N, C-alpha and C. Protein backbone atom coordinates (compact mmCIF):
# COMPACT_ATOMS: atom_id res chain seq x y z
N UNK A 1 79.82 89.32 -79.99
CA UNK A 1 79.97 88.70 -78.78
C UNK A 1 78.90 89.56 -77.73
N UNK A 2 78.37 88.54 -77.05
CA UNK A 2 77.84 88.39 -75.58
C UNK A 2 78.34 88.93 -74.55
N UNK A 3 77.55 89.39 -73.20
CA UNK A 3 78.01 90.16 -72.31
C UNK A 3 78.60 89.08 -71.46
N UNK A 4 78.54 87.91 -71.80
CA UNK A 4 79.04 86.74 -71.07
C UNK A 4 80.48 86.27 -71.50
N UNK A 5 80.51 86.61 -72.89
CA UNK A 5 81.93 86.04 -73.25
C UNK A 5 82.64 87.69 -73.21
N UNK A 6 81.85 88.63 -72.97
CA UNK A 6 82.69 90.03 -72.80
C UNK A 6 83.32 90.11 -71.03
N UNK A 7 82.69 89.17 -70.19
CA UNK A 7 83.04 89.14 -68.78
C UNK A 7 84.22 87.87 -68.61
N UNK A 8 83.47 86.97 -69.57
CA UNK A 8 84.84 85.69 -69.44
C UNK A 8 86.50 86.02 -70.05
N UNK A 9 86.45 86.91 -71.22
CA UNK A 9 87.51 87.73 -71.39
C UNK A 9 88.10 88.95 -70.82
N UNK A 10 87.45 89.30 -69.82
CA UNK A 10 87.80 90.64 -68.93
C UNK A 10 88.25 89.85 -67.57
N UNK A 11 87.98 88.43 -67.34
CA UNK A 11 88.04 88.40 -65.62
C UNK A 11 89.00 86.86 -65.72
N UNK A 12 90.03 86.72 -65.27
CA UNK A 12 90.53 85.33 -65.30
C UNK A 12 90.14 84.76 -63.95
N UNK A 13 90.18 83.42 -64.00
CA UNK A 13 90.00 83.22 -62.62
C UNK A 13 90.38 83.27 -61.42
N UNK A 14 92.36 83.34 -61.88
CA UNK A 14 93.17 84.03 -60.87
C UNK A 14 92.72 85.09 -60.48
N UNK A 15 92.09 86.25 -60.84
CA UNK A 15 91.75 87.36 -60.62
C UNK A 15 90.14 87.17 -59.39
N UNK A 16 89.71 86.58 -60.01
CA UNK A 16 88.25 86.19 -59.13
C UNK A 16 88.74 85.58 -58.13
N UNK A 17 89.65 84.28 -57.66
CA UNK A 17 90.13 83.51 -56.51
C UNK A 17 90.87 84.62 -55.80
N UNK A 18 91.53 85.43 -56.28
CA UNK A 18 92.09 86.80 -55.54
C UNK A 18 91.15 87.49 -54.47
N UNK A 19 89.82 88.09 -55.23
CA UNK A 19 89.01 88.66 -54.94
C UNK A 19 88.86 88.16 -53.42
N UNK A 20 88.35 86.65 -53.43
CA UNK A 20 88.03 85.97 -52.78
C UNK A 20 89.16 85.24 -51.14
N UNK A 21 90.49 86.30 -51.34
CA UNK A 21 92.12 85.65 -51.32
C UNK A 21 92.11 84.73 -50.82
N UNK A 22 92.40 84.05 -52.03
CA UNK A 22 93.10 82.73 -52.20
C UNK A 22 94.13 82.60 -53.53
N UNK A 23 94.96 82.64 -53.77
CA UNK A 23 96.13 82.56 -54.50
C UNK A 23 96.22 80.91 -55.36
N UNK A 24 96.28 80.54 -56.60
CA UNK A 24 95.81 79.75 -57.30
C UNK A 24 97.52 79.03 -57.61
N UNK A 25 97.39 77.48 -57.44
CA UNK A 25 98.96 76.82 -57.53
C UNK A 25 98.90 76.08 -58.88
N UNK A 26 99.44 75.55 -59.59
CA UNK A 26 99.39 74.84 -60.78
C UNK A 26 98.91 73.06 -60.46
N UNK A 27 99.22 72.93 -59.07
CA UNK A 27 99.09 71.97 -58.59
C UNK A 27 97.53 71.95 -58.23
N UNK A 28 96.93 72.94 -58.17
CA UNK A 28 95.53 72.79 -57.45
C UNK A 28 95.09 73.59 -56.38
N UNK A 29 94.16 73.99 -55.68
CA UNK A 29 93.90 74.51 -54.58
C UNK A 29 92.73 73.65 -53.81
N UNK A 30 92.01 73.74 -52.69
CA UNK A 30 91.78 73.27 -52.11
C UNK A 30 90.18 73.83 -52.41
N UNK A 31 88.87 73.02 -52.64
CA UNK A 31 87.94 74.10 -53.26
C UNK A 31 87.37 75.42 -52.82
N UNK A 32 87.23 76.36 -53.30
CA UNK A 32 87.08 77.43 -52.24
C UNK A 32 85.23 77.72 -52.08
N UNK A 33 84.73 76.53 -52.68
CA UNK A 33 83.06 76.32 -52.83
C UNK A 33 82.61 76.29 -51.45
N UNK A 34 81.70 77.37 -51.16
CA UNK A 34 80.64 77.09 -49.98
C UNK A 34 80.45 75.05 -49.58
N UNK A 35 80.61 75.13 -48.58
CA UNK A 35 79.59 73.85 -48.10
C UNK A 35 80.70 73.06 -48.91
N UNK A 36 81.71 73.04 -48.91
CA UNK A 36 82.49 71.90 -49.35
C UNK A 36 83.83 72.38 -48.55
N UNK A 37 83.90 70.68 -47.48
CA UNK A 37 84.87 70.82 -46.80
C UNK A 37 86.08 70.01 -47.59
N UNK A 38 86.92 70.77 -48.16
CA UNK A 38 87.80 70.01 -49.32
C UNK A 38 88.98 69.79 -48.43
N UNK A 39 89.78 68.37 -48.05
CA UNK A 39 90.63 68.02 -47.19
C UNK A 39 92.09 67.92 -48.28
N UNK A 40 91.78 67.92 -49.36
CA UNK A 40 93.14 67.90 -50.56
C UNK A 40 92.54 69.23 -51.78
N UNK A 41 93.90 69.04 -52.37
CA UNK A 41 93.79 70.29 -53.47
C UNK A 41 93.04 69.59 -55.24
N UNK A 42 91.70 69.79 -54.72
CA UNK A 42 91.30 69.08 -56.14
C UNK A 42 90.45 69.83 -56.81
N UNK A 43 90.49 71.15 -56.48
CA UNK A 43 90.27 72.46 -57.46
C UNK A 43 91.27 73.04 -58.65
N UNK A 44 91.05 72.60 -60.05
CA UNK A 44 92.29 73.30 -61.13
C UNK A 44 91.40 74.24 -61.95
N UNK A 45 92.32 74.84 -62.81
CA UNK A 45 91.94 75.70 -63.85
C UNK A 45 92.58 75.24 -65.22
N UNK A 46 91.40 75.25 -66.05
CA UNK A 46 91.90 74.93 -67.06
C UNK A 46 91.56 75.97 -68.57
N UNK A 47 91.95 76.05 -69.17
CA UNK A 47 91.78 76.39 -70.78
C UNK A 47 90.92 75.76 -71.68
N UNK A 48 89.57 76.50 -71.76
CA UNK A 48 88.44 75.84 -72.83
C UNK A 48 88.77 75.99 -74.45
N UNK A 49 88.31 75.41 -74.88
CA UNK A 49 88.84 75.20 -76.57
C UNK A 49 88.40 77.02 -77.10
N UNK A 50 87.40 77.15 -76.31
CA UNK A 50 87.03 78.95 -76.59
C UNK A 50 87.85 79.98 -76.18
N UNK A 51 88.88 79.51 -75.33
CA UNK A 51 90.30 80.23 -74.67
C UNK A 51 89.91 81.10 -73.73
N UNK A 52 88.75 80.53 -72.16
CA UNK A 52 88.25 81.03 -71.07
C UNK A 52 88.77 80.28 -70.32
N UNK A 53 88.93 80.74 -69.61
CA UNK A 53 89.20 79.83 -68.18
C UNK A 53 88.14 79.28 -67.51
N UNK A 54 88.09 77.63 -66.91
CA UNK A 54 87.08 77.46 -66.57
C UNK A 54 87.65 76.50 -65.28
N UNK A 55 87.01 76.61 -63.88
CA UNK A 55 87.49 75.78 -62.99
C UNK A 55 86.77 74.18 -63.15
N UNK A 56 87.49 73.50 -62.49
CA UNK A 56 86.69 71.84 -62.29
C UNK A 56 86.79 71.51 -60.81
N UNK A 57 86.03 70.90 -59.75
CA UNK A 57 86.42 70.65 -58.79
C UNK A 57 86.20 68.70 -59.16
N UNK A 58 87.75 67.80 -58.32
CA UNK A 58 87.81 66.70 -58.92
C UNK A 58 86.99 65.79 -57.50
N UNK A 59 85.95 66.81 -56.45
CA UNK A 59 85.83 65.85 -55.60
C UNK A 59 84.36 65.61 -55.74
N UNK A 60 84.07 64.28 -55.45
CA UNK A 60 82.66 63.41 -55.96
C UNK A 60 81.12 64.30 -54.86
N UNK A 61 81.96 64.63 -54.10
CA UNK A 61 80.69 65.70 -52.84
C UNK A 61 80.79 66.92 -54.03
N UNK A 62 81.00 67.46 -54.57
CA UNK A 62 81.12 68.48 -55.17
C UNK A 62 80.64 68.79 -56.76
N UNK A 63 81.61 68.54 -57.67
CA UNK A 63 81.57 68.22 -59.22
C UNK A 63 81.11 69.85 -59.58
N UNK A 64 81.82 70.78 -59.15
CA UNK A 64 81.27 71.98 -60.11
C UNK A 64 82.31 71.78 -61.33
N UNK A 65 81.97 72.28 -61.99
CA UNK A 65 82.19 73.06 -63.45
C UNK A 65 81.98 74.40 -64.06
N UNK A 66 82.88 75.06 -64.11
CA UNK A 66 82.20 76.25 -64.95
C UNK A 66 83.47 77.60 -65.20
N UNK A 67 82.75 78.16 -65.45
CA UNK A 67 83.27 79.37 -65.75
C UNK A 67 83.28 80.75 -64.90
N UNK A 68 84.04 81.67 -64.70
CA UNK A 68 84.02 82.56 -63.88
C UNK A 68 82.81 82.95 -63.43
N UNK A 69 81.80 83.54 -63.93
CA UNK A 69 80.36 83.62 -63.88
C UNK A 69 79.45 82.48 -63.30
N UNK A 70 80.00 81.00 -63.60
CA UNK A 70 79.43 80.14 -62.83
C UNK A 70 79.59 79.94 -61.16
N UNK A 71 81.29 80.32 -61.69
CA UNK A 71 82.21 80.37 -59.62
C UNK A 71 81.37 81.28 -59.05
N UNK A 72 81.10 82.35 -59.52
CA UNK A 72 80.57 83.87 -58.84
C UNK A 72 78.76 83.39 -58.52
N UNK A 73 78.65 82.81 -59.13
CA UNK A 73 77.15 82.36 -58.64
C UNK A 73 77.03 81.35 -57.82
N UNK A 74 78.03 80.07 -57.93
CA UNK A 74 78.01 79.24 -56.63
C UNK A 74 78.69 80.24 -55.38
N UNK A 75 79.90 80.95 -55.69
CA UNK A 75 80.02 81.32 -54.65
C UNK A 75 79.09 82.28 -53.67
N UNK A 76 77.78 82.77 -54.40
CA UNK A 76 77.59 83.52 -53.62
C UNK A 76 75.59 82.78 -53.62
N UNK A 77 75.56 81.96 -54.65
CA UNK A 77 74.26 81.17 -54.34
C UNK A 77 72.84 82.01 -55.10
N UNK A 78 73.66 82.65 -56.11
CA UNK A 78 72.72 83.82 -56.91
C UNK A 78 72.45 82.61 -58.53
N UNK A 79 72.04 83.62 -59.01
CA UNK A 79 71.96 83.16 -60.49
C UNK A 79 72.64 83.70 -61.45
N UNK A 80 73.47 83.36 -62.43
CA UNK A 80 74.29 83.38 -63.07
C UNK A 80 73.80 84.59 -64.07
N UNK A 81 72.64 84.73 -64.23
CA UNK A 81 72.08 86.63 -64.65
C UNK A 81 72.77 87.55 -63.33
N UNK A 82 72.38 87.19 -62.39
CA UNK A 82 72.82 88.24 -60.88
C UNK A 82 74.35 88.37 -60.99
N UNK A 83 75.24 86.96 -61.17
CA UNK A 83 76.42 86.95 -60.76
C UNK A 83 76.92 87.96 -62.07
N UNK A 84 76.74 87.55 -63.67
CA UNK A 84 77.15 88.84 -64.48
C UNK A 84 76.98 90.17 -64.39
N UNK A 85 75.87 90.45 -63.71
CA UNK A 85 76.04 91.50 -63.26
C UNK A 85 76.38 91.94 -62.55
N UNK A 86 76.84 91.49 -61.45
CA UNK A 86 77.57 92.03 -60.24
C UNK A 86 79.37 91.59 -60.55
N UNK A 87 79.41 91.01 -61.89
CA UNK A 87 81.16 91.28 -62.05
C UNK A 87 81.33 92.35 -62.89
N UNK A 88 80.52 92.23 -63.77
CA UNK A 88 80.41 93.63 -65.21
C UNK A 88 80.18 95.01 -63.70
N UNK A 89 79.79 94.71 -62.81
CA UNK A 89 79.45 95.84 -62.29
C UNK A 89 81.19 96.28 -61.38
N UNK A 90 81.89 95.30 -60.57
CA UNK A 90 83.06 95.18 -60.00
C UNK A 90 83.86 95.57 -61.10
N UNK A 91 84.28 94.92 -62.25
CA UNK A 91 85.02 95.26 -63.23
C UNK A 91 84.70 96.36 -64.35
N UNK A 92 83.77 97.14 -64.06
CA UNK A 92 83.35 98.21 -64.95
C UNK A 92 83.59 97.71 -66.35
N UNK A 93 82.54 96.54 -66.40
CA UNK A 93 82.43 96.59 -67.81
C UNK A 93 80.86 96.73 -68.12
N UNK A 94 80.79 97.62 -69.52
CA UNK A 94 79.26 98.19 -69.79
C UNK A 94 78.80 96.82 -70.02
N UNK A 95 77.54 97.10 -69.80
CA UNK A 95 76.58 95.72 -69.91
C UNK A 95 75.49 96.41 -70.46
N UNK A 96 75.17 95.85 -72.03
CA UNK A 96 73.58 96.42 -72.12
C UNK A 96 72.62 95.65 -71.61
N UNK A 97 71.23 96.06 -71.70
CA UNK A 97 69.98 95.11 -71.28
C UNK A 97 70.28 93.67 -71.93
N UNK A 98 70.08 92.78 -71.53
CA UNK A 98 69.96 91.70 -72.11
C UNK A 98 68.83 90.63 -72.09
N UNK A 99 67.93 90.28 -73.05
CA UNK A 99 66.90 89.56 -73.22
C UNK A 99 66.88 88.03 -72.17
N UNK A 100 66.43 87.21 -72.15
CA UNK A 100 65.69 86.24 -71.54
C UNK A 100 66.75 85.18 -72.61
N UNK A 101 65.90 85.43 -73.85
CA UNK A 101 67.18 84.40 -75.03
C UNK A 101 68.77 84.24 -74.95
N UNK A 102 69.15 85.68 -74.48
CA UNK A 102 70.75 85.38 -73.85
C UNK A 102 70.97 84.48 -73.20
N UNK A 103 70.15 84.96 -72.10
CA UNK A 103 70.45 84.03 -70.58
C UNK A 103 70.36 82.38 -70.67
N UNK A 104 68.88 81.98 -71.84
CA UNK A 104 68.93 81.06 -72.22
C UNK A 104 70.08 79.95 -73.21
N UNK A 105 70.78 81.01 -73.97
CA UNK A 105 71.81 80.34 -74.84
C UNK A 105 73.05 80.70 -73.81
N UNK A 106 73.14 80.80 -72.86
CA UNK A 106 74.22 81.15 -72.10
C UNK A 106 74.38 79.76 -71.31
N UNK A 107 72.78 79.22 -70.54
CA UNK A 107 72.90 78.17 -69.61
C UNK A 107 72.81 77.18 -70.94
N UNK A 108 72.53 77.04 -72.05
CA UNK A 108 72.57 75.43 -73.22
C UNK A 108 74.08 75.66 -73.45
N UNK A 109 75.20 76.72 -73.43
CA UNK A 109 76.45 76.45 -73.85
C UNK A 109 77.11 76.04 -72.26
N UNK A 110 76.31 76.10 -71.53
CA UNK A 110 76.99 75.72 -69.97
C UNK A 110 76.24 74.20 -69.75
N UNK A 111 75.26 73.80 -70.63
CA UNK A 111 75.28 72.47 -70.08
C UNK A 111 75.64 71.19 -71.30
N UNK A 112 76.35 71.92 -72.51
CA UNK A 112 76.95 71.75 -73.33
C UNK A 112 78.44 71.47 -72.85
N UNK A 113 78.99 72.24 -72.25
CA UNK A 113 80.20 72.72 -71.69
C UNK A 113 80.78 71.33 -70.52
N UNK A 114 79.27 71.44 -69.58
CA UNK A 114 79.99 70.14 -68.64
C UNK A 114 79.35 68.72 -69.53
N UNK A 115 78.26 68.34 -70.08
CA UNK A 115 78.47 67.42 -70.76
C UNK A 115 80.13 66.74 -71.50
N UNK A 116 80.43 67.80 -72.00
CA UNK A 116 81.82 67.63 -72.75
C UNK A 116 82.95 66.95 -71.83
N UNK A 117 83.23 67.91 -70.79
CA UNK A 117 83.71 67.81 -69.49
C UNK A 117 83.57 66.63 -69.02
N UNK A 118 82.58 65.80 -69.17
CA UNK A 118 82.08 64.60 -68.12
C UNK A 118 82.50 63.67 -69.38
N UNK A 119 82.21 63.62 -70.37
CA UNK A 119 82.95 62.83 -71.38
C UNK A 119 84.35 62.39 -71.33
N UNK A 120 84.94 63.77 -71.29
CA UNK A 120 86.50 63.75 -71.03
C UNK A 120 86.64 62.73 -69.88
N UNK A 121 86.01 63.25 -68.91
CA UNK A 121 86.54 62.73 -67.42
C UNK A 121 86.34 61.16 -67.74
N UNK A 122 85.31 60.83 -68.27
CA UNK A 122 84.57 59.07 -67.84
C UNK A 122 86.10 58.57 -68.83
N UNK A 123 86.59 59.23 -70.17
CA UNK A 123 87.44 58.26 -70.88
C UNK A 123 89.11 58.44 -69.91
N UNK A 124 88.93 59.64 -69.38
CA UNK A 124 90.42 59.65 -68.52
C UNK A 124 90.44 58.40 -67.91
N UNK A 125 89.39 58.81 -67.00
CA UNK A 125 89.41 57.48 -65.84
C UNK A 125 89.35 56.16 -66.29
N UNK A 126 88.99 55.53 -67.56
CA UNK A 126 88.54 54.86 -68.36
C UNK A 126 90.66 54.62 -68.71
N UNK A 127 91.55 55.36 -69.17
CA UNK A 127 92.40 55.11 -69.12
C UNK A 127 92.85 54.73 -68.27
N UNK A 128 92.92 55.24 -67.08
CA UNK A 128 93.68 55.18 -65.92
C UNK A 128 93.54 53.84 -65.69
N UNK A 129 92.33 53.47 -65.79
CA UNK A 129 92.13 52.01 -65.14
C UNK A 129 92.13 50.61 -65.93
N UNK A 130 92.67 51.11 -66.79
CA UNK A 130 93.06 49.84 -67.95
C UNK A 130 94.20 49.52 -67.97
């Protein structure tokens, strides 16, 4: 298990949102990301096939999709590696040193998740419009 998986196992999106003073509602919440002036609750949390929570903003001017590490990175404007280190420190998750290969593997899995999400979203919208 990678450190990224350990972090995603240990921290839920709801916990992380609570740290930022937000409470999640099943109907969604206003997108909390910086530079997003949301006017409707378009940020929702889903459970991925791997069992980890992922957040998605349905606003076309945001389009965030990611896990708690991606969210922390987006909220603070830092890299996913730095976000993973910060989350591990805050939640007392011991982390070994990781290599660039570990970070590259995480980035590749994130790219695959985003692609699969958009394929799902396009199919869902196609169903709604036909």
